[in-house]
PDB file of N, CA and C in Angstrom:
ATOM      1  N   UNK A   1       2.554 -20.233 -14.812  1.00  0.00           N
ATOM      2  CA  UNK A   1       2.371 -21.253 -14.748  1.00  0.00           C
ATOM      3  C   UNK A   1       2.893 -21.876 -14.854  1.00  0.00           C
ATOM      4  N   UNK A   2       2.585 -23.609 -14.921  1.00  0.00           N
ATOM      5  CA  UNK A   2       2.550 -24.439 -14.199  1.00  0.00           C
ATOM      6  C   UNK A   2       4.401 -24.948 -14.141  1.00  0.00           C
ATOM      7  N   UNK A   3       5.063 -24.308 -15.928  1.00  0.00           N
ATOM      8  CA  UNK A   3       6.147 -24.985 -15.967  1.00  0.00           C
ATOM      9  C   UNK A   3       7.014 -24.599 -14.880  1.00  0.00           C
ATOM     10  N   UNK A   4       6.639 -23.050 -14.675  1.00  0.00           N
ATOM     11  CA  UNK A   4       7.712 -21.821 -14.279  1.00  0.00           C
ATOM     12  C   UNK A   4       7.457 -22.326 -12.661  1.00  0.00           C
ATOM     13  N   UNK A   5       6.677 -23.652 -12.005  1.00  0.00           N
ATOM     14  CA  UNK A   5       5.948 -23.623 -11.118  1.00  0.00           C
ATOM     15  C   UNK A   5       6.619 -25.163 -10.286  1.00  0.00           C
ATOM     16  N   UNK A   6       7.129 -25.144 -11.454  1.00  0.00           N
ATOM     17  CA  UNK A   6       7.797 -27.071 -11.785  1.00  0.00           C
ATOM     18  C   UNK A   6       8.901 -26.411 -11.937  1.00  0.00           C
ATOM     19  N   UNK A   7       9.888 -25.851 -12.222  1.00  0.00           N
ATOM     20  CA  UNK A   7      11.142 -25.283 -12.315  1.00  0.00           C
ATOM     21  C   UNK A   7      11.472 -23.702 -11.235  1.00  0.00           C
ATOM     22  N   UNK A   8      10.688 -23.833 -10.341  1.00  0.00           N
ATOM     23  CA  UNK A   8      10.908 -22.806  -9.404  1.00  0.00           C
ATOM     24  C   UNK A   8      11.040 -24.692  -8.058  1.00  0.00           C
ATOM     25  N   UNK A   9       9.971 -25.290  -8.306  1.00  0.00           N
ATOM     26  CA  UNK A   9      10.085 -26.245  -6.341  1.00  0.00           C
ATOM     27  C   UNK A   9      11.600 -27.121  -7.135  1.00  0.00           C
ATOM     28  N   UNK A  10      11.609 -27.733  -8.631  1.00  0.00           N
ATOM     29  CA  UNK A  10      13.537 -27.647  -8.921  1.00  0.00           C
ATOM     30  C   UNK A  10      14.824 -26.949  -8.542  1.00  0.00           C
ATOM     31  N   UNK A  11      14.030 -26.029  -8.280  1.00  0.00           N
ATOM     32  CA  UNK A  11      15.227 -25.042  -7.206  1.00  0.00           C
ATOM     33  C   UNK A  11      14.423 -25.084  -6.189  1.00  0.00           C
ATOM     34  N   UNK A  12      13.901 -24.584  -5.819  1.00  0.00           N
ATOM     35  CA  UNK A  12      13.511 -24.191  -4.092  1.00  0.00           C
ATOM     36  C   UNK A  12      14.472 -25.594  -3.551  1.00  0.00           C
ATOM     37  N   UNK A  13      14.303 -27.426  -4.070  1.00  0.00           N
ATOM     38  CA  UNK A  13      14.656 -28.058  -3.519  1.00  0.00           C
ATOM     39  C   UNK A  13      16.153 -28.410  -3.532  1.00  0.00           C
ATOM     40  N   UNK A  14      17.035 -27.572  -4.051  1.00  0.00           N
ATOM     41  CA  UNK A  14      18.212 -27.834  -4.204  1.00  0.00           C
ATOM     42  C   UNK A  14      19.361 -26.648  -4.088  1.00  0.00           C
ATOM     43  N   UNK A  15      18.098 -25.663  -2.975  1.00  0.00           N
ATOM     44  CA  UNK A  15      18.916 -24.671  -2.786  1.00  0.00           C
ATOM     45  C   UNK A  15      19.190 -25.372  -1.506  1.00  0.00           C
ATOM     46  N   UNK A  16      20.628 -24.675  -0.303  1.00  0.00           N
ATOM     47  CA  UNK A  16      21.102 -25.584   0.596  1.00  0.00           C
ATOM     48  C   UNK A  16      20.234 -25.250   1.887  1.00  0.00           C
ATOM     49  N   UNK A  17      19.594 -23.714   1.896  1.00  0.00           N
ATOM     50  CA  UNK A  17      19.231 -24.182   3.332  1.00  0.00           C
ATOM     51  C   UNK A  17      18.207 -24.666   3.720  1.00  0.00           C
ATOM     52  N   UNK A  18      18.123 -25.709   3.826  1.00  0.00           N
ATOM     53  CA  UNK A  18      17.043 -26.688   3.686  1.00  0.00           C
ATOM     54  C   UNK A  18      15.590 -25.873   4.672  1.00  0.00           C
ATOM     55  N   UNK A  19      16.016 -25.765   6.141  1.00  0.00           N
ATOM     56  CA  UNK A  19      14.701 -25.186   6.797  1.00  0.00           C
ATOM     57  C   UNK A  19      14.145 -23.877   6.079  1.00  0.00           C
ATOM     58  N   UNK A  20      15.655 -22.689   6.009  1.00  0.00           N
ATOM     59  CA  UNK A  20      14.568 -21.660   5.064  1.00  0.00           C
ATOM     60  C   UNK A  20      14.259 -22.132   4.515  1.00  0.00           C
ATOM     61  N   UNK A  21      13.901 -23.630   2.572  1.00  0.00           N
ATOM     62  CA  UNK A  21      13.861 -23.270   1.697  1.00  0.00           C
ATOM     63  C   UNK A  21      12.157 -24.696   2.110  1.00  0.00           C
ATOM     64  N   UNK A  22      12.371 -24.736   3.519  1.00  0.00           N
ATOM     65  CA  UNK A  22      10.681 -25.516   2.922  1.00  0.00           C
ATOM     66  C   UNK A  22       9.699 -24.775   3.206  1.00  0.00           C
ATOM     67  N   UNK A  23       9.609 -23.517   3.232  1.00  0.00           N
ATOM     68  CA  UNK A  23       8.287 -22.875   3.251  1.00  0.00           C
ATOM     69  C   UNK A  23       8.569 -22.688   1.987  1.00  0.00           C
ATOM     70  N   UNK A  24       9.336 -22.351   0.881  1.00  0.00           N
ATOM     71  CA  UNK A  24       8.788 -21.647  -0.202  1.00  0.00           C
ATOM     72  C   UNK A  24       8.697 -23.697  -1.078  1.00  0.00           C
ATOM     73  N   UNK A  25       9.133 -24.601  -0.238  1.00  0.00           N
ATOM     74  CA  UNK A  25       8.521 -25.763  -1.192  1.00  0.00           C
ATOM     75  C   UNK A  25       7.088 -25.998  -1.347  1.00  0.00           C
ATOM     76  N   UNK A  26       6.864 -25.767   0.235  1.00  0.00           N
ATOM     77  CA  UNK A  26       5.470 -26.885   0.630  1.00  0.00           C
ATOM     78  C   UNK A  26       4.182 -25.361  -0.326  1.00  0.00           C
ATOM     79  N   UNK A  27       4.855 -23.703   0.048  1.00  0.00           N
ATOM     80  CA  UNK A  27       4.229 -22.704  -0.854  1.00  0.00           C
ATOM     81  C   UNK A  27       4.327 -23.415  -2.440  1.00  0.00           C
ATOM     82  N   UNK A  28       5.119 -23.655  -3.282  1.00  0.00           N
ATOM     83  CA  UNK A  28       5.642 -23.617  -5.094  1.00  0.00           C
ATOM     84  C   UNK A  28       4.456 -25.265  -4.783  1.00  0.00           C
ATOM     85  N   UNK A  29       4.424 -25.958  -4.011  1.00  0.00           N
ATOM     86  CA  UNK A  29       3.630 -27.530  -3.609  1.00  0.00           C
ATOM     87  C   UNK A  29       2.071 -27.456  -3.481  1.00  0.00           C
ATOM     88  N   UNK A  30       0.925 -26.308  -3.240  1.00  0.00           N
ATOM     89  CA  UNK A  30       0.601 -25.413  -3.064  1.00  0.00           C
ATOM     90  C   UNK A  30       0.131 -24.697  -4.105  1.00  0.00           C
ATOM     91  N   UNK A  31       0.536 -23.936  -5.143  1.00  0.00           N
ATOM     92  CA  UNK A  31       0.493 -23.511  -6.136  1.00  0.00           C
ATOM     93  C   UNK A  31       0.511 -23.810  -7.664  1.00  0.00           C
ATOM     94  N   UNK A  32       1.898 -25.571  -7.434  1.00  0.00           N
ATOM     95  CA  UNK A  32       1.155 -26.128  -8.242  1.00  0.00           C
ATOM     96  C   UNK A  32      -0.421 -27.637  -7.886  1.00  0.00           C
ATOM     97  N   UNK A  33      -0.658 -27.550  -6.477  1.00  0.00           N
ATOM     98  CA  UNK A  33      -1.459 -27.971  -6.552  1.00  0.00           C
ATOM     99  C   UNK A  33      -2.875 -27.558  -6.510  1.00  0.00           C
ATOM    100  N   UNK A  34      -2.539 -25.667  -6.490  1.00  0.00           N
ATOM    101  CA  UNK A  34      -3.906 -25.284  -7.152  1.00  0.00           C
ATOM    102  C   UNK A  34      -4.244 -25.268  -9.023  1.00  0.00           C
ATOM    103  N   UNK A  35      -2.961 -25.104  -9.725  1.00  0.00           N
ATOM    104  CA  UNK A  35      -3.130 -25.121 -11.366  1.00  0.00           C
ATOM    105  C   UNK A  35      -3.265 -26.181 -11.387  1.00  0.00           C
ATOM    106  N   UNK A  36      -2.379 -27.279 -10.891  1.00  0.00           N
ATOM    107  CA  UNK A  36      -4.028 -29.103 -11.689  1.00  0.00           C
ATOM    108  C   UNK A  36      -5.336 -28.428 -11.671  1.00  0.00           C
ATOM    109  N   UNK A  37      -5.819 -28.237 -10.433  1.00  0.00           N
ATOM    110  CA  UNK A  37      -6.812 -28.590 -10.025  1.00  0.00           C
ATOM    111  C   UNK A  37      -7.435 -27.840 -11.140  1.00  0.00           C
ATOM    112  N   UNK A  38      -6.861 -26.331 -11.234  1.00  0.00           N
ATOM    113  CA  UNK A  38      -8.001 -25.836 -12.798  1.00  0.00           C
ATOM    114  C   UNK A  38      -7.563 -26.184 -13.479  1.00  0.00           C
ATOM    115  N   UNK A  39      -7.290 -27.343 -13.675  1.00  0.00           N
ATOM    116  CA  UNK A  39      -6.800 -28.404 -15.088  1.00  0.00           C
ATOM    117  C   UNK A  39      -7.942 -29.232 -14.712  1.00  0.00           C
ATOM    118  N   UNK A  40      -8.297 -29.938 -13.913  1.00  0.00           N
ATOM    119  CA  UNK A  40      -8.516 -31.522 -14.150  1.00  0.00           C
ATOM    120  C   UNK A  40      -8.344 -32.063 -13.538  1.00  0.00           C
ATOM    121  N   UNK A  41      -6.569 -31.537 -13.357  1.00  0.00           N
ATOM    122  CA  UNK A  41      -6.120 -32.700 -12.788  1.00  0.00           C
ATOM    123  C   UNK A  41      -6.466 -32.725 -11.300  1.00  0.00           C
ATOM    124  N   UNK A  42      -7.220 -33.688 -10.671  1.00  0.00           N
ATOM    125  CA  UNK A  42      -7.232 -34.119  -9.515  1.00  0.00           C
ATOM    126  C   UNK A  42      -6.449 -34.805  -7.946  1.00  0.00           C
ATOM    127  N   UNK A  43      -6.224 -35.894  -8.826  1.00  0.00           N
ATOM    128  CA  UNK A  43      -5.297 -36.707  -8.729  1.00  0.00           C
ATOM    129  C   UNK A  43      -4.130 -36.012  -8.147  1.00  0.00           C
ATOM    130  N   UNK A  44      -3.749 -35.244  -9.244  1.00  0.00           N
ATOM    131  CA  UNK A  44      -2.451 -34.810  -9.473  1.00  0.00           C
ATOM    132  C   UNK A  44      -2.615 -33.840  -7.917  1.00  0.00           C
ATOM    133  N   UNK A  45      -3.568 -33.317  -8.345  1.00  0.00           N
ATOM    134  CA  UNK A  45      -3.641 -31.889  -7.675  1.00  0.00           C
ATOM    135  C   UNK A  45      -4.012 -32.187  -6.082  1.00  0.00           C
ATOM    136  N   UNK A  46      -3.957 -33.444  -6.022  1.00  0.00           N
ATOM    137  CA  UNK A  46      -4.471 -33.540  -4.725  1.00  0.00           C
ATOM    138  C   UNK A  46      -2.744 -34.255  -4.246  1.00  0.00           C
ATOM    139  N   UNK A  47      -1.726 -34.329  -4.497  1.00  0.00           N
ATOM    140  CA  UNK A  47      -0.223 -34.826  -4.192  1.00  0.00           C
ATOM    141  C   UNK A  47       0.258 -34.435  -4.054  1.00  0.00           C
ATOM    142  N   UNK A  48       0.101 -32.963  -4.898  1.00  0.00           N
ATOM    143  CA  UNK A  48       0.710 -31.818  -4.259  1.00  0.00           C
ATOM    144  C   UNK A  48       0.582 -30.706  -3.120  1.00  0.00           C
ATOM    145  N   UNK A  49      -1.070 -30.608  -2.812  1.00  0.00           N
ATOM    146  CA  UNK A  49      -1.627 -30.116  -1.928  1.00  0.00           C
ATOM    147  C   UNK A  49      -0.878 -31.020  -0.199  1.00  0.00           C
ATOM    148  N   UNK A  50      -1.218 -32.060  -0.381  1.00  0.00           N
ATOM    149  CA  UNK A  50      -1.209 -33.295   0.447  1.00  0.00           C
ATOM    150  C   UNK A  50       0.799 -33.078   1.245  1.00  0.00           C
ATOM    151  N   UNK A  51       1.357 -32.773  -0.219  1.00  0.00           N
ATOM    152  CA  UNK A  51       2.862 -32.885   0.331  1.00  0.00           C
ATOM    153  C   UNK A  51       3.180 -30.836   0.939  1.00  0.00           C
ATOM    154  N   UNK A  52       2.194 -30.263   0.028  1.00  0.00           N
ATOM    155  CA  UNK A  52       2.810 -28.437   1.489  1.00  0.00           C
ATOM    156  C   UNK A  52       1.612 -29.030   2.658  1.00  0.00           C
ATOM    157  N   UNK A  53       1.007 -29.641   2.676  1.00  0.00           N
ATOM    158  CA  UNK A  53       0.459 -29.870   4.156  1.00  0.00           C
ATOM    159  C   UNK A  53       1.473 -30.118   5.302  1.00  0.00           C
ATOM    160  N   UNK A  54       2.151 -31.605   4.481  1.00  0.00           N
ATOM    161  CA  UNK A  54       3.387 -32.449   4.901  1.00  0.00           C
ATOM    162  C   UNK A  54       4.095 -31.190   5.653  1.00  0.00           C
ATOM    163  N   UNK A  55       3.876 -30.764   4.876  1.00  0.00           N
ATOM    164  CA  UNK A  55       5.766 -29.438   4.776  1.00  0.00           C
ATOM    165  C   UNK A  55       5.348 -28.220   6.013  1.00  0.00           C
ATOM    166  N   UNK A  56       4.093 -28.291   5.520  1.00  0.00           N
ATOM    167  CA  UNK A  56       4.066 -26.346   6.263  1.00  0.00           C
ATOM    168  C   UNK A  56       3.815 -26.504   7.804  1.00  0.00           C
ATOM    169  N   UNK A  57       3.926 -25.765   8.226  1.00  0.00           N
ATOM    170  CA  UNK A  57       3.539 -25.167   9.832  1.00  0.00           C
ATOM    171  C   UNK A  57       1.973 -23.914   9.955  1.00  0.00           C
ATOM    172  N   UNK A  58       1.447 -24.263  11.217  1.00  0.00           N
ATOM    173  CA  UNK A  58       0.157 -23.287  11.522  1.00  0.00           C
ATOM    174  C   UNK A  58       0.405 -22.145  10.530  1.00  0.00           C
ATOM    175  N   UNK A  59       0.172 -22.614   9.450  1.00  0.00           N
ATOM    176  CA  UNK A  59       0.356 -20.038   8.906  1.00  0.00           C
ATOM    177  C   UNK A  59      -0.612 -20.291   8.290  1.00  0.00           C
ATOM    178  N   UNK A  60      -0.431 -19.508   7.157  1.00  0.00           N
ATOM    179  CA  UNK A  60      -1.108 -18.442   5.646  1.00  0.00           C
ATOM    180  C   UNK A  60      -1.310 -19.731   5.229  1.00  0.00           C
ATOM    181  N   UNK A  61       0.015 -19.707   4.991  1.00  0.00           N
ATOM    182  CA  UNK A  61       0.120 -20.464   3.946  1.00  0.00           C
ATOM    183  C   UNK A  61      -1.155 -21.854   3.398  1.00  0.00           C
ATOM    184  N   UNK A  62      -0.671 -22.692   5.298  1.00  0.00           N
ATOM    185  CA  UNK A  62      -1.359 -24.597   5.443  1.00  0.00           C
ATOM    186  C   UNK A  62      -2.981 -24.244   5.361  1.00  0.00           C
ATOM    187  N   UNK A  63      -4.048 -23.075   5.586  1.00  0.00           N
ATOM    188  CA  UNK A  63      -4.679 -22.766   5.998  1.00  0.00           C
ATOM    189  C   UNK A  63      -5.399 -22.398   3.847  1.00  0.00           C
ATOM    190  N   UNK A  64      -4.481 -21.572   3.022  1.00  0.00           N
ATOM    191  CA  UNK A  64      -4.743 -22.106   2.415  1.00  0.00           C
ATOM    192  C   UNK A  64      -4.318 -23.509   1.521  1.00  0.00           C
ATOM    193  N   UNK A  65      -3.165 -24.540   1.984  1.00  0.00           N
ATOM    194  CA  UNK A  65      -2.917 -25.698   1.142  1.00  0.00           C
ATOM    195  C   UNK A  65      -4.885 -26.317   1.502  1.00  0.00           C
ATOM    196  N   UNK A  66      -5.254 -26.105   3.353  1.00  0.00           N
ATOM    197  CA  UNK A  66      -6.332 -26.515   3.283  1.00  0.00           C
ATOM    198  C   UNK A  66      -8.207 -25.997   2.516  1.00  0.00           C
ATOM    199  N   UNK A  67      -7.614 -25.103   1.951  1.00  0.00           N
ATOM    200  CA  UNK A  67      -8.541 -24.666   1.210  1.00  0.00           C
ATOM    201  C   UNK A  67      -9.055 -25.230  -0.167  1.00  0.00           C
ATOM    202  N   UNK A  68      -7.613 -25.222  -0.516  1.00  0.00           N
ATOM    203  CA  UNK A  68      -7.310 -25.972  -1.941  1.00  0.00           C
ATOM    204  C   UNK A  68      -6.972 -27.044  -1.940  1.00  0.00           C
ATOM    205  N   UNK A  69      -7.291 -27.701  -0.691  1.00  0.00           N
ATOM    206  CA  UNK A  69      -7.129 -29.697  -0.820  1.00  0.00           C
ATOM    207  C   UNK A  69      -9.349 -29.540  -0.878  1.00  0.00           C
ATOM    208  N   UNK A  70      -9.846 -28.769   0.138  1.00  0.00           N
ATOM    209  CA  UNK A  70     -11.191 -29.307   0.172  1.00  0.00           C
ATOM    210  C   UNK A  70     -12.318 -28.226  -1.034  1.00  0.00           C
ATOM    211  N   UNK A  71     -11.829 -27.163  -1.621  1.00  0.00           N
ATOM    212  CA  UNK A  71     -11.799 -27.363  -3.018  1.00  0.00           C
ATOM    213  C   UNK A  71     -11.549 -28.580  -3.955  1.00  0.00           C
ATOM    214  N   UNK A  72     -11.019 -29.698  -4.078  1.00  0.00           N
ATOM    215  CA  UNK A  72     -10.215 -30.339  -4.778  1.00  0.00           C
ATOM    216  C   UNK A  72     -11.586 -31.127  -5.148  1.00  0.00           C
ATOM    217  N   UNK A  73     -11.216 -31.819  -3.093  1.00  0.00           N
ATOM    218  CA  UNK A  73     -12.000 -32.177  -2.910  1.00  0.00           C
ATOM    219  C   UNK A  73     -13.423 -32.190  -3.186  1.00  0.00           C
ATOM    220  N   UNK A  74     -14.135 -31.456  -3.449  1.00  0.00           N
ATOM    221  CA  UNK A  74     -15.443 -30.978  -3.580  1.00  0.00           C
ATOM    222  C   UNK A  74     -15.349 -31.121  -5.353  1.00  0.00           C
ATOM    223  N   UNK A  75     -14.321 -30.807  -5.178  1.00  0.00           N
ATOM    224  CA  UNK A  75     -14.370 -30.624  -6.953  1.00  0.00           C
ATOM    225  C   UNK A  75     -14.712 -32.632  -7.841  1.00  0.00           C
ATOM    226  N   UNK A  76     -14.251 -33.221  -6.679  1.00  0.00           N
ATOM    227  CA  UNK A  76     -14.516 -34.989  -6.739  1.00  0.00           C
ATOM    228  C   UNK A  76     -15.082 -35.590  -6.492  1.00  0.00           C
ATOM    229  N   UNK A  77     -16.797 -34.524  -6.202  1.00  0.00           N
ATOM    230  CA  UNK A  77     -17.382 -35.357  -5.430  1.00  0.00           C
ATOM    231  C   UNK A  77     -16.971 -35.009  -3.884  1.00  0.00           C
ATOM    232  N   UNK A  78     -16.841 -35.158  -3.190  1.00  0.00           N
ATOM    233  CA  UNK A  78     -16.145 -36.117  -1.453  1.00  0.00           C
ATOM    234  C   UNK A  78     -16.701 -34.626  -1.257  1.00  0.00           C
ATOM    235  N   UNK A  79     -18.199 -34.772  -0.949  1.00  0.00           N
ATOM    236  CA  UNK A  79     -18.320 -33.001   0.464  1.00  0.00           C
ATOM    237  C   UNK A  79     -17.503 -33.883   1.330  1.00  0.00           C
ATOM    238  N   UNK A  80     -17.793 -34.797   2.036  1.00  0.00           N
ATOM    239  CA  UNK A  80     -17.017 -34.798   2.977  1.00  0.00           C
ATOM    240  C   UNK A  80     -16.099 -34.250   2.977  1.00  0.00           C
ATOM    241  N   UNK A  81     -15.152 -35.126   2.755  1.00  0.00           N
ATOM    242  CA  UNK A  81     -13.403 -34.252   2.228  1.00  0.00           C
ATOM    243  C   UNK A  81     -13.550 -33.558   2.249  1.00  0.00           C
ATOM    244  N   UNK A  82     -14.131 -32.890   1.587  1.00  0.00           N
ATOM    245  CA  UNK A  82     -14.419 -31.208   1.230  1.00  0.00           C
ATOM    246  C   UNK A  82     -14.817 -30.474   2.927  1.00  0.00           C
ATOM    247  N   UNK A  83     -15.426 -31.062   3.371  1.00  0.00           N
ATOM    248  CA  UNK A  83     -16.380 -30.239   4.228  1.00  0.00           C
ATOM    249  C   UNK A  83     -15.142 -30.244   5.496  1.00  0.00           C
ATOM    250  N   UNK A  84     -14.499 -31.626   5.543  1.00  0.00           N
ATOM    251  CA  UNK A  84     -13.190 -31.867   6.422  1.00  0.00           C
ATOM    252  C   UNK A  84     -12.204 -30.848   6.835  1.00  0.00           C
ATOM    253  N   UNK A  85     -12.245 -30.667   5.533  1.00  0.00           N
ATOM    254  CA  UNK A  85     -10.526 -29.565   5.007  1.00  0.00           C
ATOM    255  C   UNK A  85     -11.422 -28.196   4.858  1.00  0.00           C
ATOM    256  N   UNK A  86     -12.278 -28.516   5.360  1.00  0.00           N
ATOM    257  CA  UNK A  86     -13.173 -26.550   5.194  1.00  0.00           C
ATOM    258  C   UNK A  86     -12.352 -26.240   6.719  1.00  0.00           C
ATOM    259  N   UNK A  87     -13.168 -27.009   7.169  1.00  0.00           N
ATOM    260  CA  UNK A  87     -12.918 -26.785   8.824  1.00  0.00           C
ATOM    261  C   UNK A  87     -11.738 -26.792   9.393  1.00  0.00           C
ATOM    262  N   UNK A  88     -10.620 -27.963   8.801  1.00  0.00           N
ATOM    263  CA  UNK A  88      -9.434 -27.545   9.154  1.00  0.00           C
ATOM    264  C   UNK A  88      -8.333 -26.560   8.723  1.00  0.00           C
ATOM    265  N   UNK A  89      -9.170 -26.058   7.383  1.00  0.00           N
ATOM    266  CA  UNK A  89      -8.470 -24.547   7.576  1.00  0.00           C
ATOM    267  C   UNK A  89      -9.311 -22.921   7.979  1.00  0.00           C
ATOM    268  N   UNK A  90     -10.404 -22.949   8.611  1.00  0.00           N
ATOM    269  CA  UNK A  90     -11.270 -21.729   9.726  1.00  0.00           C
ATOM    270  C   UNK A  90      -9.925 -21.951  10.998  1.00  0.00           C
ATOM    271  N   UNK A  91      -9.853 -23.713  11.889  1.00  0.00           N
ATOM    272  CA  UNK A  91      -9.413 -23.631  12.632  1.00  0.00           C
ATOM    273  C   UNK A  91      -7.964 -22.867  13.293  1.00  0.00           C
ATOM    274  N   UNK A  92      -7.232 -22.504  11.482  1.00  0.00           N
ATOM    275  CA  UNK A  92      -5.638 -22.904  11.999  1.00  0.00           C
ATOM    276  C   UNK A  92      -6.474 -20.745  12.432  1.00  0.00           C
TER     277      UNK A  92
END
């Protein structure tokens, strides 16, 4: 649930090992973004997904974030940005 993800985000940001937790924080933002997209809250979804991208290095998680961003832009009707992010996901 989104409530669980919000609590997880709070936890990961409070734990002391920042470098280790950055990966978990980014993944939590991806999950929040996906959840908000499913609820139709597309702007809030993009906010979390773009934060995840800023925190990620090129990994499977970054690919997942780009894919979620692409789907969110598609749902918003912005097919050009959707295509851009689908292509970014493929490049990783």
